[in-house]
Amino acid sequence: MFAVFTFSIIWGYRHEYCEKDKHYRITLQLITFSIAVFYAGLTEVIQIFIPYREGNWGDFLADVIGCVLGICIFKLIFIKKMIKKSSPIQ
């Protein structure tokens, strides 16, 4: 779920990602990762207040791994798209 969430956030900024310099791309990835990890932590904290639920460090770690996976999937798609766009037409 968090892989899709993170991918969706960064996909929404893909045009800015393509047009800006490398520093901006890294900043965008860090901001996206920070938002997703904050949301993951918030969901675990909120579970403390719900009866029969509890926050779990293992769930939080799985969410963070999902966040990293979402960014990696975006980078793979982005790299393939840029390679395809820059290759000469035969």
PDB file of N, CA and C in Angstrom:
ATOM      1  N   MET A   1       0.814  -1.176   0.000  1.00  0.00           N
ATOM      2  CA  MET A   1       0.000   0.000   0.000  1.00  0.00           C
ATOM      3  C   MET A   1       0.873   1.262   0.000  1.00  0.00           C
ATOM      4  N   PHE A   2       1.933   1.258   0.797  1.00  0.00           N
ATOM      5  CA  PHE A   2       2.779   2.447   0.867  1.00  0.00           C
ATOM      6  C   PHE A   2       3.657   2.595  -0.372  1.00  0.00           C
ATOM      7  N   ALA A   3       3.930   1.508  -1.059  1.00  0.00           N
ATOM      8  CA  ALA A   3       4.650   1.622  -2.329  1.00  0.00           C
ATOM      9  C   ALA A   3       3.782   2.371  -3.342  1.00  0.00           C
ATOM     10  N   VAL A   4       2.509   2.030  -3.396  1.00  0.00           N
ATOM     11  CA  VAL A   4       1.582   2.702  -4.308  1.00  0.00           C
ATOM     12  C   VAL A   4       1.396   4.160  -3.888  1.00  0.00           C
ATOM     13  N   PHE A   5       1.273   4.398  -2.586  1.00  0.00           N
ATOM     14  CA  PHE A   5       1.108   5.756  -2.072  1.00  0.00           C
ATOM     15  C   PHE A   5       2.302   6.634  -2.440  1.00  0.00           C
ATOM     16  N   THR A   6       3.501   6.139  -2.194  1.00  0.00           N
ATOM     17  CA  THR A   6       4.714   6.902  -2.495  1.00  0.00           C
ATOM     18  C   THR A   6       4.869   7.113  -3.996  1.00  0.00           C
ATOM     19  N   PHE A   7       4.617   6.058  -4.762  1.00  0.00           N
ATOM     20  CA  PHE A   7       4.687   6.167  -6.219  1.00  0.00           C
ATOM     21  C   PHE A   7       3.707   7.220  -6.722  1.00  0.00           C
ATOM     22  N   SER A   8       2.516   7.246  -6.163  1.00  0.00           N
ATOM     23  CA  SER A   8       1.498   8.214  -6.594  1.00  0.00           C
ATOM     24  C   SER A   8       1.924   9.652  -6.307  1.00  0.00           C
ATOM     25  N   ILE A   9       2.529   9.871  -5.158  1.00  0.00           N
ATOM     26  CA  ILE A   9       2.979  11.221  -4.823  1.00  0.00           C
ATOM     27  C   ILE A   9       4.030  11.686  -5.820  1.00  0.00           C
ATOM     28  N   ILE A  10       5.039  10.878  -6.035  1.00  0.00           N
ATOM     29  CA  ILE A  10       6.141  11.306  -6.898  1.00  0.00           C
ATOM     30  C   ILE A  10       5.710  11.325  -8.370  1.00  0.00           C
ATOM     31  N   TRP A  11       4.764  10.474  -8.751  1.00  0.00           N
ATOM     32  CA  TRP A  11       4.263  10.476 -10.122  1.00  0.00           C
ATOM     33  C   TRP A  11       3.548  11.790 -10.432  1.00  0.00           C
ATOM     34  N   GLY A  12       2.886  12.355  -9.441  1.00  0.00           N
ATOM     35  CA  GLY A  12       2.210  13.630  -9.633  1.00  0.00           C
ATOM     36  C   GLY A  12       3.160  14.770  -9.942  1.00  0.00           C
ATOM     37  N   TYR A  13       4.405  14.628  -9.550  1.00  0.00           N
ATOM     38  CA  TYR A  13       5.419  15.666  -9.799  1.00  0.00           C
ATOM     39  C   TYR A  13       6.402  15.261 -10.894  1.00  0.00           C
ATOM     40  N   ARG A  14       6.040  14.313 -11.729  1.00  0.00           N
ATOM     41  CA  ARG A  14       6.988  13.774 -12.712  1.00  0.00           C
ATOM     42  C   ARG A  14       7.458  14.810 -13.725  1.00  0.00           C
ATOM     43  N   HIS A  15       6.602  15.758 -14.093  1.00  0.00           N
ATOM     44  CA  HIS A  15       7.024  16.772 -15.071  1.00  0.00           C
ATOM     45  C   HIS A  15       8.096  17.683 -14.477  1.00  0.00           C
ATOM     46  N   GLU A  16       7.902  18.080 -13.230  1.00  0.00           N
ATOM     47  CA  GLU A  16       8.915  18.885 -12.561  1.00  0.00           C
ATOM     48  C   GLU A  16      10.193  18.068 -12.367  1.00  0.00           C
ATOM     49  N   TYR A  17      10.017  16.766 -12.124  1.00  0.00           N
ATOM     50  CA  TYR A  17      11.149  15.867 -11.921  1.00  0.00           C
ATOM     51  C   TYR A  17      12.015  15.804 -13.173  1.00  0.00           C
ATOM     52  N   CYS A  18      11.376  15.771 -14.317  1.00  0.00           N
ATOM     53  CA  CYS A  18      12.105  15.656 -15.589  1.00  0.00           C
ATOM     54  C   CYS A  18      12.807  16.951 -15.971  1.00  0.00           C
ATOM     55  N   GLU A  19      12.181  18.065 -15.663  1.00  0.00           N
ATOM     56  CA  GLU A  19      12.680  19.346 -16.162  1.00  0.00           C
ATOM     57  C   GLU A  19      13.734  19.987 -15.280  1.00  0.00           C
ATOM     58  N   LYS A  20      13.827  19.586 -14.049  1.00  0.00           N
ATOM     59  CA  LYS A  20      14.738  20.243 -13.115  1.00  0.00           C
ATOM     60  C   LYS A  20      16.080  19.520 -13.066  1.00  0.00           C
ATOM     61  N   ASP A  21      17.012  20.110 -12.334  1.00  0.00           N
ATOM     62  CA  ASP A  21      18.348  19.535 -12.217  1.00  0.00           C
ATOM     63  C   ASP A  21      18.366  18.372 -11.219  1.00  0.00           C
ATOM     64  N   LYS A  22      19.521  17.744 -11.107  1.00  0.00           N
ATOM     65  CA  LYS A  22      19.660  16.558 -10.266  1.00  0.00           C
ATOM     66  C   LYS A  22      19.403  16.881  -8.793  1.00  0.00           C
ATOM     67  N   HIS A  23      19.820  18.056  -8.327  1.00  0.00           N
ATOM     68  CA  HIS A  23      19.598  18.437  -6.937  1.00  0.00           C
ATOM     69  C   HIS A  23      18.107  18.480  -6.627  1.00  0.00           C
ATOM     70  N   TYR A  24      17.328  19.006  -7.550  1.00  0.00           N
ATOM     71  CA  TYR A  24      15.876  19.064  -7.355  1.00  0.00           C
ATOM     72  C   TYR A  24      15.284  17.661  -7.311  1.00  0.00           C
ATOM     73  N   ARG A  25      15.767  16.772  -8.146  1.00  0.00           N
ATOM     74  CA  ARG A  25      15.262  15.393  -8.170  1.00  0.00           C
ATOM     75  C   ARG A  25      15.499  14.697  -6.838  1.00  0.00           C
ATOM     76  N   ILE A  26      16.674  14.873  -6.288  1.00  0.00           N
ATOM     77  CA  ILE A  26      16.986  14.260  -4.993  1.00  0.00           C
ATOM     78  C   ILE A  26      16.112  14.879  -3.902  1.00  0.00           C
ATOM     79  N   THR A  27      15.940  16.187  -3.944  1.00  0.00           N
ATOM     80  CA  THR A  27      15.087  16.869  -2.967  1.00  0.00           C
ATOM     81  C   THR A  27      13.649  16.364  -3.061  1.00  0.00           C
ATOM     82  N   LEU A  28      13.141  16.204  -4.278  1.00  0.00           N
ATOM     83  CA  LEU A  28      11.788  15.702  -4.467  1.00  0.00           C
ATOM     84  C   LEU A  28      11.640  14.290  -3.904  1.00  0.00           C
ATOM     85  N   GLN A  29      12.637  13.454  -4.114  1.00  0.00           N
ATOM     86  CA  GLN A  29      12.590  12.100  -3.567  1.00  0.00           C
ATOM     87  C   GLN A  29      12.597  12.127  -2.044  1.00  0.00           C
ATOM     88  N   LEU A  30      13.411  12.978  -1.454  1.00  0.00           N
ATOM     89  CA  LEU A  30      13.469  13.062   0.008  1.00  0.00           C
ATOM     90  C   LEU A  30      12.167  13.601   0.590  1.00  0.00           C
ATOM     91  N   ILE A  31      11.583  14.605  -0.047  1.00  0.00           N
ATOM     92  CA  ILE A  31      10.314  15.149   0.432  1.00  0.00           C
ATOM     93  C   ILE A  31       9.215  14.096   0.322  1.00  0.00           C
ATOM     94  N   THR A  32       9.161  13.409  -0.801  1.00  0.00           N
ATOM     95  CA  THR A  32       8.169  12.352  -0.987  1.00  0.00           C
ATOM     96  C   THR A  32       8.343  11.262   0.056  1.00  0.00           C
ATOM     97  N   PHE A  33       9.582  10.832   0.271  1.00  0.00           N
ATOM     98  CA  PHE A  33       9.867   9.797   1.260  1.00  0.00           C
ATOM     99  C   PHE A  33       9.477  10.268   2.659  1.00  0.00           C
ATOM    100  N   SER A  34       9.786  11.516   2.984  1.00  0.00           N
ATOM    101  CA  SER A  34       9.459  12.062   4.306  1.00  0.00           C
ATOM    102  C   SER A  34       7.956  12.103   4.546  1.00  0.00           C
ATOM    103  N   ILE A  35       7.206  12.533   3.554  1.00  0.00           N
ATOM    104  CA  ILE A  35       5.743  12.585   3.681  1.00  0.00           C
ATOM    105  C   ILE A  35       5.183  11.180   3.905  1.00  0.00           C
ATOM    106  N   ALA A  36       5.650  10.229   3.119  1.00  0.00           N
ATOM    107  CA  ALA A  36       5.137   8.866   3.222  1.00  0.00           C
ATOM    108  C   ALA A  36       5.510   8.225   4.561  1.00  0.00           C
ATOM    109  N   VAL A  37       6.733   8.438   5.026  1.00  0.00           N
ATOM    110  CA  VAL A  37       7.162   7.862   6.309  1.00  0.00           C
ATOM    111  C   VAL A  37       6.404   8.527   7.460  1.00  0.00           C
ATOM    112  N   PHE A  38       6.191   9.826   7.373  1.00  0.00           N
ATOM    113  CA  PHE A  38       5.403  10.510   8.403  1.00  0.00           C
ATOM    114  C   PHE A  38       3.997   9.922   8.473  1.00  0.00           C
ATOM    115  N   TYR A  39       3.390   9.713   7.325  1.00  0.00           N
ATOM    116  CA  TYR A  39       2.041   9.126   7.284  1.00  0.00           C
ATOM    117  C   TYR A  39       2.045   7.701   7.842  1.00  0.00           C
ATOM    118  N   ALA A  40       3.084   6.937   7.524  1.00  0.00           N
ATOM    119  CA  ALA A  40       3.197   5.575   8.063  1.00  0.00           C
ATOM    120  C   ALA A  40       3.289   5.602   9.584  1.00  0.00           C
ATOM    121  N   GLY A  41       4.094   6.495  10.119  1.00  0.00           N
ATOM    122  CA  GLY A  41       4.213   6.619  11.571  1.00  0.00           C
ATOM    123  C   GLY A  41       2.914   7.080  12.208  1.00  0.00           C
ATOM    124  N   LEU A  42       2.241   8.002  11.544  1.00  0.00           N
ATOM    125  CA  LEU A  42       0.974   8.507  12.061  1.00  0.00           C
ATOM    126  C   LEU A  42      -0.073   7.398  12.134  1.00  0.00           C
ATOM    127  N   THR A  43      -0.129   6.546  11.137  1.00  0.00           N
ATOM    128  CA  THR A  43      -1.100   5.448  11.167  1.00  0.00           C
ATOM    129  C   THR A  43      -0.809   4.480  12.306  1.00  0.00           C
ATOM    130  N   GLU A  44       0.454   4.276  12.611  1.00  0.00           N
ATOM    131  CA  GLU A  44       0.798   3.393  13.729  1.00  0.00           C
ATOM    132  C   GLU A  44       0.455   4.034  15.070  1.00  0.00           C
ATOM    133  N   VAL A  45       0.652   5.326  15.203  1.00  0.00           N
ATOM    134  CA  VAL A  45       0.321   6.019  16.454  1.00  0.00           C
ATOM    135  C   VAL A  45      -1.193   6.061  16.653  1.00  0.00           C
ATOM    136  N   ILE A  46      -1.934   6.312  15.595  1.00  0.00           N
ATOM    137  CA  ILE A  46      -3.395   6.382  15.693  1.00  0.00           C
ATOM    138  C   ILE A  46      -3.973   5.041  16.150  1.00  0.00           C
ATOM    139  N   GLN A  47      -3.330   3.944  15.764  1.00  0.00           N
ATOM    140  CA  GLN A  47      -3.826   2.627  16.152  1.00  0.00           C
ATOM    141  C   GLN A  47      -3.806   2.408  17.667  1.00  0.00           C
ATOM    142  N   ILE A  48      -3.003   3.165  18.388  1.00  0.00           N
ATOM    143  CA  ILE A  48      -2.953   3.049  19.848  1.00  0.00           C
ATOM    144  C   ILE A  48      -4.317   3.410  20.452  1.00  0.00           C
ATOM    145  N   PHE A  49      -5.020   4.344  19.845  1.00  0.00           N
ATOM    146  CA  PHE A  49      -6.281   4.842  20.375  1.00  0.00           C
ATOM    147  C   PHE A  49      -7.497   4.041  19.915  1.00  0.00           C
ATOM    148  N   ILE A  50      -7.305   3.062  19.057  1.00  0.00           N
ATOM    149  CA  ILE A  50      -8.407   2.245  18.549  1.00  0.00           C
ATOM    150  C   ILE A  50      -8.442   0.939  19.340  1.00  0.00           C
ATOM    151  N   PRO A  51      -9.612   0.586  19.888  1.00  0.00           N
ATOM    152  CA  PRO A  51      -9.698  -0.670  20.647  1.00  0.00           C
ATOM    153  C   PRO A  51      -9.319  -1.880  19.789  1.00  0.00           C
ATOM    154  N   TYR A  52      -8.637  -2.820  20.402  1.00  0.00           N
ATOM    155  CA  TYR A  52      -8.199  -4.077  19.772  1.00  0.00           C
ATOM    156  C   TYR A  52      -7.168  -3.869  18.660  1.00  0.00           C
ATOM    157  N   ARG A  53      -6.544  -2.724  18.619  1.00  0.00           N
ATOM    158  CA  ARG A  53      -5.467  -2.448  17.659  1.00  0.00           C
ATOM    159  C   ARG A  53      -4.270  -1.933  18.425  1.00  0.00           C
ATOM    160  N   GLU A  54      -3.116  -2.099  17.870  1.00  0.00           N
ATOM    161  CA  GLU A  54      -1.916  -1.546  18.492  1.00  0.00           C
ATOM    162  C   GLU A  54      -0.886  -1.214  17.423  1.00  0.00           C
ATOM    163  N   GLY A  55      -0.126  -0.174  17.679  1.00  0.00           N
ATOM    164  CA  GLY A  55       0.954   0.192  16.773  1.00  0.00           C
ATOM    165  C   GLY A  55       2.081  -0.831  16.899  1.00  0.00           C
ATOM    166  N   ASN A  56       2.753  -1.073  15.800  1.00  0.00           N
ATOM    167  CA  ASN A  56       3.774  -2.108  15.786  1.00  0.00           C
ATOM    168  C   ASN A  56       4.982  -1.616  15.000  1.00  0.00           C
ATOM    169  N   TRP A  57       6.169  -1.794  15.555  1.00  0.00           N
ATOM    170  CA  TRP A  57       7.388  -1.385  14.858  1.00  0.00           C
ATOM    171  C   TRP A  57       7.599  -2.185  13.579  1.00  0.00           C
ATOM    172  N   GLY A  58       7.186  -3.444  13.595  1.00  0.00           N
ATOM    173  CA  GLY A  58       7.311  -4.273  12.394  1.00  0.00           C
ATOM    174  C   GLY A  58       6.462  -3.750  11.252  1.00  0.00           C
ATOM    175  N   ASP A  59       5.245  -3.315  11.579  1.00  0.00           N
ATOM    176  CA  ASP A  59       4.377  -2.720  10.552  1.00  0.00           C
ATOM    177  C   ASP A  59       4.972  -1.422  10.021  1.00  0.00           C
ATOM    178  N   PHE A  60       5.510  -0.626  10.920  1.00  0.00           N
ATOM    179  CA  PHE A  60       6.133   0.627  10.509  1.00  0.00           C
ATOM    180  C   PHE A  60       7.318   0.356   9.573  1.00  0.00           C
ATOM    181  N   LEU A  61       8.130  -0.631   9.910  1.00  0.00           N
ATOM    182  CA  LEU A  61       9.270  -0.984   9.065  1.00  0.00           C
ATOM    183  C   LEU A  61       8.799  -1.470   7.694  1.00  0.00           C
ATOM    184  N   ALA A  62       7.740  -2.258   7.673  1.00  0.00           N
ATOM    185  CA  ALA A  62       7.193  -2.724   6.397  1.00  0.00           C
ATOM    186  C   ALA A  62       6.681  -1.547   5.566  1.00  0.00           C
ATOM    187  N   ASP A  63       6.068  -0.571   6.225  1.00  0.00           N
ATOM    188  CA  ASP A  63       5.595   0.619   5.522  1.00  0.00           C
ATOM    189  C   ASP A  63       6.759   1.415   4.934  1.00  0.00           C
ATOM    190  N   VAL A  64       7.827   1.542   5.691  1.00  0.00           N
ATOM    191  CA  VAL A  64       9.008   2.278   5.208  1.00  0.00           C
ATOM    192  C   VAL A  64       9.639   1.556   4.020  1.00  0.00           C
ATOM    193  N   ILE A  65       9.698   0.243   4.087  1.00  0.00           N
ATOM    194  CA  ILE A  65      10.217  -0.535   2.958  1.00  0.00           C
ATOM    195  C   ILE A  65       9.337  -0.328   1.732  1.00  0.00           C
ATOM    196  N   GLY A  66       8.027  -0.264   1.943  1.00  0.00           N
ATOM    197  CA  GLY A  66       7.108   0.030   0.846  1.00  0.00           C
ATOM    198  C   GLY A  66       7.359   1.405   0.247  1.00  0.00           C
ATOM    199  N   CYS A  67       7.675   2.375   1.089  1.00  0.00           N
ATOM    200  CA  CYS A  67       7.986   3.728   0.609  1.00  0.00           C
ATOM    201  C   CYS A  67       9.229   3.705  -0.288  1.00  0.00           C
ATOM    202  N   VAL A  68      10.247   3.007   0.153  1.00  0.00           N
ATOM    203  CA  VAL A  68      11.482   2.891  -0.639  1.00  0.00           C
ATOM    204  C   VAL A  68      11.190   2.181  -1.957  1.00  0.00           C
ATOM    205  N   LEU A  69      10.392   1.137  -1.896  1.00  0.00           N
ATOM    206  CA  LEU A  69      10.035   0.394  -3.102  1.00  0.00           C
ATOM    207  C   LEU A  69       9.278   1.274  -4.099  1.00  0.00           C
ATOM    208  N   GLY A  70       8.373   2.114  -3.608  1.00  0.00           N
ATOM    209  CA  GLY A  70       7.630   3.016  -4.487  1.00  0.00           C
ATOM    210  C   GLY A  70       8.537   3.982  -5.224  1.00  0.00           C
ATOM    211  N   ILE A  71       9.523   4.522  -4.521  1.00  0.00           N
ATOM    212  CA  ILE A  71      10.474   5.437  -5.163  1.00  0.00           C
ATOM    213  C   ILE A  71      11.343   4.685  -6.171  1.00  0.00           C
ATOM    214  N   CYS A  72      11.759   3.474  -5.826  1.00  0.00           N
ATOM    215  CA  CYS A  72      12.581   2.679  -6.751  1.00  0.00           C
ATOM    216  C   CYS A  72      11.812   2.320  -8.019  1.00  0.00           C
ATOM    217  N   ILE A  73      10.547   1.966  -7.869  1.00  0.00           N
ATOM    218  CA  ILE A  73       9.728   1.651  -9.049  1.00  0.00           C
ATOM    219  C   ILE A  73       9.597   2.881  -9.942  1.00  0.00           C
ATOM    220  N   PHE A  74       9.355   4.036  -9.340  1.00  0.00           N
ATOM    221  CA  PHE A  74       9.272   5.261 -10.136  1.00  0.00           C
ATOM    222  C   PHE A  74      10.583   5.510 -10.872  1.00  0.00           C
ATOM    223  N   LYS A  75      11.715   5.365 -10.173  1.00  0.00           N
ATOM    224  CA  LYS A  75      13.000   5.626 -10.818  1.00  0.00           C
ATOM    225  C   LYS A  75      13.240   4.669 -11.977  1.00  0.00           C
ATOM    226  N   LEU A  76      12.839   3.403 -11.832  1.00  0.00           N
ATOM    227  CA  LEU A  76      12.997   2.446 -12.925  1.00  0.00           C
ATOM    228  C   LEU A  76      12.155   2.850 -14.136  1.00  0.00           C
ATOM    229  N   ILE A  77      10.917   3.233 -13.898  1.00  0.00           N
ATOM    230  CA  ILE A  77      10.049   3.669 -14.994  1.00  0.00           C
ATOM    231  C   ILE A  77      10.596   4.952 -15.619  1.00  0.00           C
ATOM    232  N   PHE A  78      11.022   5.884 -14.784  1.00  0.00           N
ATOM    233  CA  PHE A  78      11.558   7.153 -15.275  1.00  0.00           C
ATOM    234  C   PHE A  78      12.806   6.925 -16.120  1.00  0.00           C
ATOM    235  N   ILE A  79      13.703   6.083 -15.661  1.00  0.00           N
ATOM    236  CA  ILE A  79      14.948   5.817 -16.398  1.00  0.00           C
ATOM    237  C   ILE A  79      14.633   5.159 -17.747  1.00  0.00           C
ATOM    238  N   LYS A  80      13.729   4.171 -17.755  1.00  0.00           N
ATOM    239  CA  LYS A  80      13.357   3.527 -19.011  1.00  0.00           C
ATOM    240  C   LYS A  80      12.740   4.531 -19.979  1.00  0.00           C
ATOM    241  N   LYS A  81      11.892   5.407 -19.463  1.00  0.00           N
ATOM    242  CA  LYS A  81      11.236   6.406 -20.307  1.00  0.00           C
ATOM    243  C   LYS A  81      12.256   7.383 -20.879  1.00  0.00           C
ATOM    244  N   MET A  82      13.211   7.824 -20.062  1.00  0.00           N
ATOM    245  CA  MET A  82      14.213   8.768 -20.538  1.00  0.00           C
ATOM    246  C   MET A  82      15.153   8.125 -21.547  1.00  0.00           C
ATOM    247  N   ILE A  83      15.509   6.851 -21.343  1.00  0.00           N
ATOM    248  CA  ILE A  83      16.371   6.151 -22.301  1.00  0.00           C
ATOM    249  C   ILE A  83      15.635   5.999 -23.630  1.00  0.00           C
ATOM    250  N   LYS A  84      14.359   5.635 -23.556  1.00  0.00           N
ATOM    251  CA  LYS A  84      13.564   5.457 -24.757  1.00  0.00           C
ATOM    252  C   LYS A  84      13.401   6.799 -25.495  1.00  0.00           C
ATOM    253  N   LYS A  85      13.245   7.878 -24.741  1.00  0.00           N
ATOM    254  CA  LYS A  85      13.054   9.199 -25.332  1.00  0.00           C
ATOM    255  C   LYS A  85      14.338   9.709 -25.982  1.00  0.00           C
ATOM    256  N   SER A  86      15.488   9.388 -25.399  1.00  0.00           N
ATOM    257  CA  SER A  86      16.748   9.909 -25.924  1.00  0.00           C
ATOM    258  C   SER A  86      17.370   9.037 -27.013  1.00  0.00           C
ATOM    259  N   SER A  87      16.862   7.823 -27.217  1.00  0.00           N
ATOM    260  CA  SER A  87      17.448   6.961 -28.239  1.00  0.00           C
ATOM    261  C   SER A  87      17.031   7.460 -29.627  1.00  0.00           C
ATOM    262  N   PRO A  88      17.962   7.376 -30.590  1.00  0.00           N
ATOM    263  CA  PRO A  88      17.654   7.846 -31.947  1.00  0.00           C
ATOM    264  C   PRO A  88      16.632   6.920 -32.620  1.00  0.00           C
ATOM    265  N   ILE A  89      15.805   7.502 -33.462  1.00  0.00           N
ATOM    266  CA  ILE A  89      14.800   6.736 -34.198  1.00  0.00           C
ATOM    267  C   ILE A  89      15.489   6.001 -35.335  1.00  0.00           C
ATOM    268  N   GLN A  90      15.177   4.729 -35.431  1.00  0.00           N
ATOM    269  CA  GLN A  90      15.816   3.916 -36.476  1.00  0.00           C
ATOM    270  C   GLN A  90      14.910   3.674 -37.623  1.00  0.00           C
TER     271      GLN A  90
END
